[in-house]
């Protein structure tokens, strides 16, 4: 009896498998429709090109032997300032600034290490007075932590060093600080950023970036009118406050070449302390050096056009929305991105 059951099972097993694999015409048509829909969606997808949002630092690594060049132009109208109660008050005369950053190179050293060099010039004018000069020089070493994968963001750790090459002391006695282009201190910024391209949920890819930075600075020795205030016969040592930076950026592709971008930028600076003689103003009253806690929250929407994956343009506006003891501003920002060779 047992033998007959086994024999019957072996005879019917192939028939059962064939019956299981057999599908109705309706099921076959459904599978074909699904395959055609997936093919049509794949044909509409594209490899996105990005220049980057205006402000949030990139996590991209430049391959060894290549160099990235990305000059910037900033045109700023500082039309008001936030007080300690976070109220905005118009300035008696707008402070207008033009910043040209023609030198910004990112050079690949190894597959996991690159170096960036930044240098800029600035022109300020207010109350029919002009001033400006070269800013502080910055160098950044970037270290890859994790390379981007389908479900893992790319992480990058950076160390930025600022060298006091800009003018910061013995400024014009008009008190406008128009020639102040530096801070007079060596600063070190430790940063951590990540980025991720989201391809699977839409026919319009989205890349997101986030960055957090912390800045510490050495003391700066000031004299007379300076970047931190001061007056006639001022002399002493300034201890710049530590700085926290939090940035978030996104890039949404509506075609392969045209991209909508945006940034949310927050910067907070701790109290800047001073030891020494603050000096006096022309009126004979004591001047002030340093200041208390200040912060600023700003937004920067932009539009990108990318000719290919190694050349593009981005332009937009950058404006403050909230702050304390900081400028209330609006800026136009333009940049071109190129990777050579």
Protein backbone atom coordinates (compact mmCIF):
# COMPACT_ATOMS: atom_id res chain seq x y z
CA UNK A 1 0.00 0.00 0.00
CA UNK A 2 2.80 2.33 0.87
CA UNK A 3 4.58 1.49 -2.41
CA UNK A 4 1.43 2.39 -4.41
CA UNK A 5 1.17 5.77 -2.69
CA UNK A 6 4.77 6.61 -3.45
CA UNK A 7 4.38 5.54 -7.07
CA UNK A 8 1.22 7.62 -7.48
CA UNK A 9 2.94 10.66 -5.95
CA UNK A 10 5.90 10.39 -8.31
CA UNK A 11 3.60 10.11 -11.30
CA UNK A 12 1.47 13.11 -10.37
CA UNK A 13 4.32 15.43 -9.28
CA UNK A 14 5.34 16.56 -12.82
CA UNK A 15 1.70 17.24 -13.67
CA UNK A 16 1.32 19.37 -10.53
CA UNK A 17 4.45 21.41 -11.35
CA UNK A 18 3.26 22.01 -14.93
CA UNK A 19 -0.15 23.09 -13.67
CA UNK A 20 1.48 25.48 -11.19
CA UNK A 21 3.61 27.17 -13.88
CA UNK A 22 0.71 27.50 -16.30
CA UNK A 23 -0.82 31.00 -16.30
CA UNK A 24 -3.98 32.31 -17.80
CA UNK A 25 -3.88 34.75 -20.75
CA UNK A 26 -5.01 37.53 -18.41
CA UNK A 27 -2.08 36.88 -16.05
CA UNK A 28 0.39 36.81 -18.95
CA UNK A 29 -0.97 40.12 -20.26
CA UNK A 30 -0.65 41.68 -16.81
CA UNK A 31 3.02 40.63 -16.64
CA UNK A 32 3.66 42.09 -20.10
CA UNK A 33 1.99 45.38 -19.16
CA UNK A 34 4.08 45.57 -15.98
CA UNK A 35 7.31 44.91 -17.91
CA UNK A 36 6.43 47.56 -20.51
CA UNK A 37 5.67 50.10 -17.75
CA UNK A 38 9.02 49.41 -16.09
CA UNK A 39 10.79 49.78 -19.44
CA UNK A 40 9.01 53.08 -20.17
CA UNK A 41 9.93 54.42 -16.73
CA UNK A 42 13.57 53.33 -17.19
CA UNK A 43 13.71 55.12 -20.56
CA UNK A 44 12.55 58.36 -18.91
CA UNK A 45 15.16 58.11 -16.15
CA UNK A 46 18.53 59.80 -16.62
CA UNK A 47 21.90 60.15 -14.96
CA UNK A 48 21.55 63.56 -13.23
CA UNK A 49 24.08 66.38 -13.63
CA UNK A 50 24.75 68.65 -10.64
CA UNK A 51 26.72 71.83 -9.99
CA UNK A 52 25.67 71.97 -6.34
CA UNK A 53 23.51 74.31 -4.25
CA UNK A 54 25.00 77.73 -3.60
CA UNK A 55 26.27 77.35 -0.05
CA UNK A 56 26.15 73.88 1.54
CA UNK A 57 29.63 72.30 1.24
CA UNK A 58 30.01 69.36 -1.12
CA UNK A 59 30.90 65.80 -0.09
CA UNK A 60 32.23 64.96 -3.56
CA UNK A 61 35.77 63.63 -3.86
CA UNK A 62 37.92 64.83 -6.76
CA UNK A 63 39.82 61.88 -8.31
CA UNK A 64 43.64 62.01 -8.26
CA UNK A 65 45.03 63.89 -11.22
CA UNK A 66 41.93 66.07 -11.66
CA UNK A 67 41.14 69.58 -10.45
CA UNK A 68 37.80 71.26 -9.78
CA UNK A 69 37.52 75.03 -10.37
CA UNK A 70 34.47 76.93 -9.11
CA UNK A 71 34.73 80.75 -8.99
CA UNK A 72 31.97 82.71 -7.20
CA UNK A 73 30.53 86.24 -7.36
CA UNK A 74 28.54 87.64 -4.39
CA UNK A 75 26.71 90.98 -4.58
CA UNK A 76 25.32 91.86 -1.14
CA UNK A 77 22.99 94.61 0.06
CA UNK A 78 23.11 94.80 3.87
CA UNK A 79 20.06 97.00 4.31
CA UNK A 80 19.28 96.39 7.99
CA UNK A 81 20.51 94.66 11.14
CA UNK A 82 18.98 92.47 13.83
CA UNK A 83 19.32 93.71 17.41
CA UNK A 84 19.62 91.64 20.60
CA UNK A 85 15.83 91.27 20.70
CA UNK A 86 15.93 89.83 17.13
CA UNK A 87 14.17 92.89 15.72
CA UNK A 88 15.26 94.17 12.33
CA UNK A 89 16.10 97.88 12.02
CA UNK A 90 17.09 99.64 8.80
CA UNK A 91 20.65 100.95 8.53
CA UNK A 92 21.06 104.72 7.98
CA UNK A 93 22.87 103.88 4.73
CA UNK A 94 23.00 100.49 3.06
CA UNK A 95 26.31 98.64 3.19
CA UNK A 96 26.85 97.16 -0.28
CA UNK A 97 29.55 94.54 -0.90
CA UNK A 98 30.93 92.86 -3.99
CA UNK A 99 32.90 89.67 -3.32
CA UNK A 100 34.87 88.05 -6.12
CA UNK A 101 36.16 84.58 -5.32
CA UNK A 102 38.12 83.69 -8.46
CA UNK A 103 40.44 81.26 -6.67
CA UNK A 104 38.74 78.10 -5.46
CA UNK A 105 40.47 74.89 -6.45
CA UNK A 106 39.72 71.35 -5.28
CA UNK A 107 42.52 68.94 -6.13
CA UNK A 108 42.46 65.14 -5.84
CA UNK A 109 45.39 63.70 -3.87
CA UNK A 110 44.29 60.08 -3.38
CA UNK A 111 40.92 58.32 -3.92
CA UNK A 112 40.01 59.23 -0.32
CA UNK A 113 41.82 62.58 0.20
CA UNK A 114 41.51 65.93 -1.57
CA UNK A 115 42.57 69.53 -0.90
CA UNK A 116 40.69 72.80 -1.53
CA UNK A 117 42.20 76.32 -1.72
CA UNK A 118 40.02 79.46 -1.48
CA UNK A 119 40.98 83.11 -1.83
CA UNK A 120 38.82 86.15 -2.59
CA UNK A 121 38.70 89.91 -2.91
CA UNK A 122 36.00 92.25 -1.60
CA UNK A 123 34.84 95.79 -2.41
CA UNK A 124 32.60 97.66 0.08
CA UNK A 125 30.86 100.98 -0.22
CA UNK A 126 28.66 102.98 2.19
CA UNK A 127 27.92 106.69 2.62
CA UNK A 128 29.84 107.45 -0.60
CA UNK A 129 32.97 105.85 0.91
CA UNK A 130 34.77 102.88 -0.61
CA UNK A 131 37.07 100.21 0.76
CA UNK A 132 38.12 96.62 0.32
CA UNK A 133 41.01 94.27 -0.33
CA UNK A 134 41.97 90.62 -0.22
CA UNK A 135 40.32 88.31 2.30
CA UNK A 136 41.82 85.64 4.55
CA UNK A 137 43.24 82.61 2.75
CA UNK A 138 41.58 79.23 3.39
CA UNK A 139 42.75 75.67 2.78
CA UNK A 140 40.65 72.55 3.35
CA UNK A 141 41.70 68.91 3.62
CA UNK A 142 38.84 66.47 2.89
CA UNK A 143 38.76 62.83 3.98
CA UNK A 144 36.26 60.29 2.65
CA UNK A 145 34.58 58.26 5.41
CA UNK A 146 31.93 56.29 3.45
CA UNK A 147 31.43 56.22 -0.29
CA UNK A 148 27.85 56.56 -1.51
CA UNK A 149 25.95 53.33 -2.20
CA UNK A 150 22.30 52.71 -3.16
CA UNK A 151 21.10 52.94 0.45
CA UNK A 152 24.10 54.57 2.17
CA UNK A 153 24.94 58.32 1.98
CA UNK A 154 28.43 59.58 1.30
CA UNK A 155 30.18 60.97 4.38
CA UNK A 156 33.15 63.32 4.33
CA UNK A 157 35.21 64.83 7.16
CA UNK A 158 36.98 68.15 6.54
CA UNK A 159 39.51 70.34 8.32
CA UNK A 160 39.64 73.97 7.15
CA UNK A 161 42.43 76.30 8.13
CA UNK A 162 42.06 80.09 7.80
CA UNK A 163 45.19 82.25 7.61
CA UNK A 164 45.02 85.97 8.58
CA UNK A 165 46.02 87.48 5.22
CA UNK A 166 43.21 90.06 5.14
CA UNK A 167 43.39 93.53 6.66
CA UNK A 168 41.87 93.77 10.15
CA UNK A 169 43.62 96.56 12.12
CA UNK A 170 44.66 100.20 11.63
CA UNK A 171 41.56 100.78 9.55
CA UNK A 172 40.15 104.10 8.36
CA UNK A 173 38.96 106.28 11.28
CA UNK A 174 35.56 106.83 9.63
CA UNK A 175 34.33 103.83 11.67
CA UNK A 176 32.67 102.11 8.70
CA UNK A 177 35.18 99.21 8.63
CA UNK A 178 35.03 99.16 4.82
CA UNK A 179 38.67 97.99 4.59
CA UNK A 180 38.11 95.15 7.08
CA UNK A 181 38.59 92.00 4.98
CA UNK A 182 40.01 89.62 7.60
CA UNK A 183 39.83 88.59 11.23
CA UNK A 184 43.50 88.65 12.24
CA UNK A 185 43.33 85.13 13.72
CA UNK A 186 44.23 81.62 12.68
CA UNK A 187 41.01 79.59 12.65
CA UNK A 188 40.39 75.86 12.39
CA UNK A 189 37.03 74.46 11.29
CA UNK A 190 36.14 70.82 11.81
CA UNK A 191 33.32 69.74 9.52
CA UNK A 192 31.25 66.65 8.79
CA UNK A 193 28.98 66.41 5.77
CA UNK A 194 26.90 63.85 3.93
CA UNK A 195 25.13 63.69 0.59
CA UNK A 196 22.76 61.24 -1.10
CA UNK A 197 21.13 60.99 -4.52
CA UNK A 198 17.58 59.60 -4.36
CA UNK A 199 16.80 57.92 -7.68
CA UNK A 200 14.26 55.22 -6.98
CA UNK A 201 11.15 57.13 -5.89
CA UNK A 202 10.70 59.55 -8.80
CA UNK A 203 11.55 60.24 -12.42
CA UNK A 204 13.13 63.46 -11.10
CA UNK A 205 16.17 62.58 -8.98
CA UNK A 206 16.78 64.48 -5.74
CA UNK A 207 20.18 65.03 -4.13
CA UNK A 208 20.36 66.18 -0.53
CA UNK A 209 23.32 67.56 1.41
CA UNK A 210 23.89 68.38 5.07
CA UNK A 211 26.88 69.86 6.85
CA UNK A 212 27.86 70.70 10.41
CA UNK A 213 30.97 72.69 11.30
CA UNK A 214 32.65 73.97 14.46
CA UNK A 215 35.25 76.79 14.32
CA UNK A 216 37.87 77.67 16.93
CA UNK A 217 40.27 80.63 16.57
CA UNK A 218 43.50 81.89 18.08
CA UNK A 219 43.60 85.34 19.71
CA UNK A 220 44.01 88.38 17.44
CA UNK A 221 46.09 91.41 18.42
CA UNK A 222 44.34 94.63 17.41
CA UNK A 223 45.35 98.26 17.12
CA UNK A 224 43.27 101.41 16.55
CA UNK A 225 40.11 100.94 14.42
CA UNK A 226 39.79 97.24 13.56
CA UNK A 227 37.45 94.48 12.39
CA UNK A 228 36.08 94.08 15.92
CA UNK A 229 35.43 97.79 16.61
CA UNK A 230 37.97 99.97 18.38
CA UNK A 231 38.95 103.59 18.00
CA UNK A 232 41.85 105.96 18.39
CA UNK A 233 44.70 104.45 20.47
CA UNK A 234 42.91 101.12 20.86
CA UNK A 235 45.26 98.26 21.62
CA UNK A 236 44.81 94.78 23.04
CA UNK A 237 43.90 91.18 22.35
CA UNK A 238 40.63 89.87 20.93
CA UNK A 239 39.45 86.33 21.63
CA UNK A 240 37.01 85.45 18.81
CA UNK A 241 34.02 83.40 19.85
CA UNK A 242 33.61 79.82 18.69
CA UNK A 243 31.33 79.37 15.69
CA UNK A 244 28.73 76.69 14.89
CA UNK A 245 27.56 76.17 11.29
CA UNK A 246 24.58 74.05 10.21
CA UNK A 247 23.71 73.81 6.50
CA UNK A 248 21.17 71.81 4.52
CA UNK A 249 20.95 71.80 0.73
CA UNK A 250 18.95 70.04 -1.96
CA UNK A 251 18.98 69.70 -5.75
CA UNK A 252 15.86 68.54 -7.62
CA UNK A 253 16.29 67.59 -11.28
CA UNK A 254 13.40 68.41 -13.56
CA UNK A 255 15.57 67.51 -16.57
CA UNK A 256 19.06 66.11 -16.79
CA UNK A 257 20.53 69.60 -17.23
CA UNK A 258 18.08 71.91 -15.43
CA UNK A 259 18.05 71.63 -11.64
CA UNK A 260 16.22 73.51 -8.88
CA UNK A 261 18.44 73.98 -5.80
CA UNK A 262 18.15 75.49 -2.35
CA UNK A 263 20.00 75.99 0.96
CA UNK A 264 19.05 76.54 4.58
CA UNK A 265 22.00 78.09 6.41
CA UNK A 266 22.40 78.74 10.15
CA UNK A 267 25.46 80.29 11.80
CA UNK A 268 25.94 81.10 15.49
CA UNK A 269 28.95 82.87 17.02
CA UNK A 270 29.71 82.87 20.72
CA UNK A 271 30.75 86.01 22.60
CA UNK A 272 33.96 87.69 21.38
CA UNK A 273 36.03 88.85 24.37
CA UNK A 274 38.60 91.66 24.56
CA UNK A 275 41.45 92.51 26.90
CA UNK A 276 43.15 95.88 26.62
CA UNK A 277 42.39 99.53 25.85
CA UNK A 278 39.30 99.87 23.58
CA UNK A 279 40.28 103.41 22.52
CA UNK A 280 38.02 106.39 21.89
CA UNK A 281 35.88 107.72 19.06
CA UNK A 282 36.23 111.14 17.43
CA UNK A 283 33.67 112.47 19.91
CA UNK A 284 35.88 111.39 22.82
CA UNK A 285 33.53 108.65 24.01
CA UNK A 286 34.98 105.18 24.68
CA UNK A 287 34.72 102.78 21.77
CA UNK A 288 33.71 99.12 21.93
CA UNK A 289 35.64 96.04 20.86
CA UNK A 290 34.13 92.56 20.44
CA UNK A 291 30.53 91.73 21.16
CA UNK A 292 28.04 89.27 22.51
CA UNK A 293 26.40 86.16 21.09
CA UNK A 294 25.06 86.49 17.54
CA UNK A 295 23.40 84.22 15.01
CA UNK A 296 21.70 84.28 11.63
CA UNK A 297 19.33 82.03 9.68
CA UNK A 298 19.19 82.44 5.90
CA UNK A 299 17.77 80.82 2.74
CA UNK A 300 19.26 80.54 -0.75
CA UNK A 301 17.06 79.31 -3.63
CA UNK A 302 18.87 78.83 -6.95
CA UNK A 303 18.67 77.40 -10.46
CA UNK A 304 21.32 75.26 -12.17
CA UNK A 305 22.15 74.53 -15.78
CA UNK A 306 24.64 71.73 -16.39
CA UNK A 307 26.21 71.20 -19.81
CA UNK A 308 27.51 67.77 -18.76
CA UNK A 309 28.69 65.93 -15.65
CA UNK A 310 31.82 68.10 -15.28
CA UNK A 311 30.64 71.61 -16.19
CA UNK A 312 27.70 73.66 -14.95
CA UNK A 313 26.35 77.02 -13.78
CA UNK A 314 24.33 77.96 -10.70
CA UNK A 315 22.79 81.31 -9.78
CA UNK A 316 20.31 82.49 -7.18
CA UNK A 317 19.51 84.72 -4.22
CA UNK A 318 20.69 84.48 -0.61
CA UNK A 319 18.76 86.34 2.08
CA UNK A 320 18.47 86.35 5.86
CA UNK A 321 15.17 85.62 7.60
CA UNK A 322 16.04 85.66 11.30
CA UNK A 323 18.93 86.73 13.49
CA UNK A 324 20.41 88.38 16.55
CA UNK A 325 23.13 91.06 16.51
CA UNK A 326 23.77 90.30 12.84
CA UNK A 327 23.17 91.87 9.44
CA UNK A 328 19.86 91.56 7.60
CA UNK A 329 20.89 91.12 3.98
CA UNK A 330 19.99 90.02 0.47
CA UNK A 331 22.59 88.78 -2.00
CA UNK A 332 22.86 87.68 -5.60
CA UNK A 333 25.18 84.69 -6.02
CA UNK A 334 26.64 83.33 -9.28
CA UNK A 335 29.05 80.44 -9.80
CA UNK A 336 30.51 78.24 -12.57
CA UNK A 337 31.68 74.67 -11.94
CA UNK A 338 34.35 72.90 -14.02
CA UNK A 339 36.37 69.70 -13.58
CA UNK A 340 39.66 69.46 -15.53
CA UNK A 341 41.07 67.78 -17.48
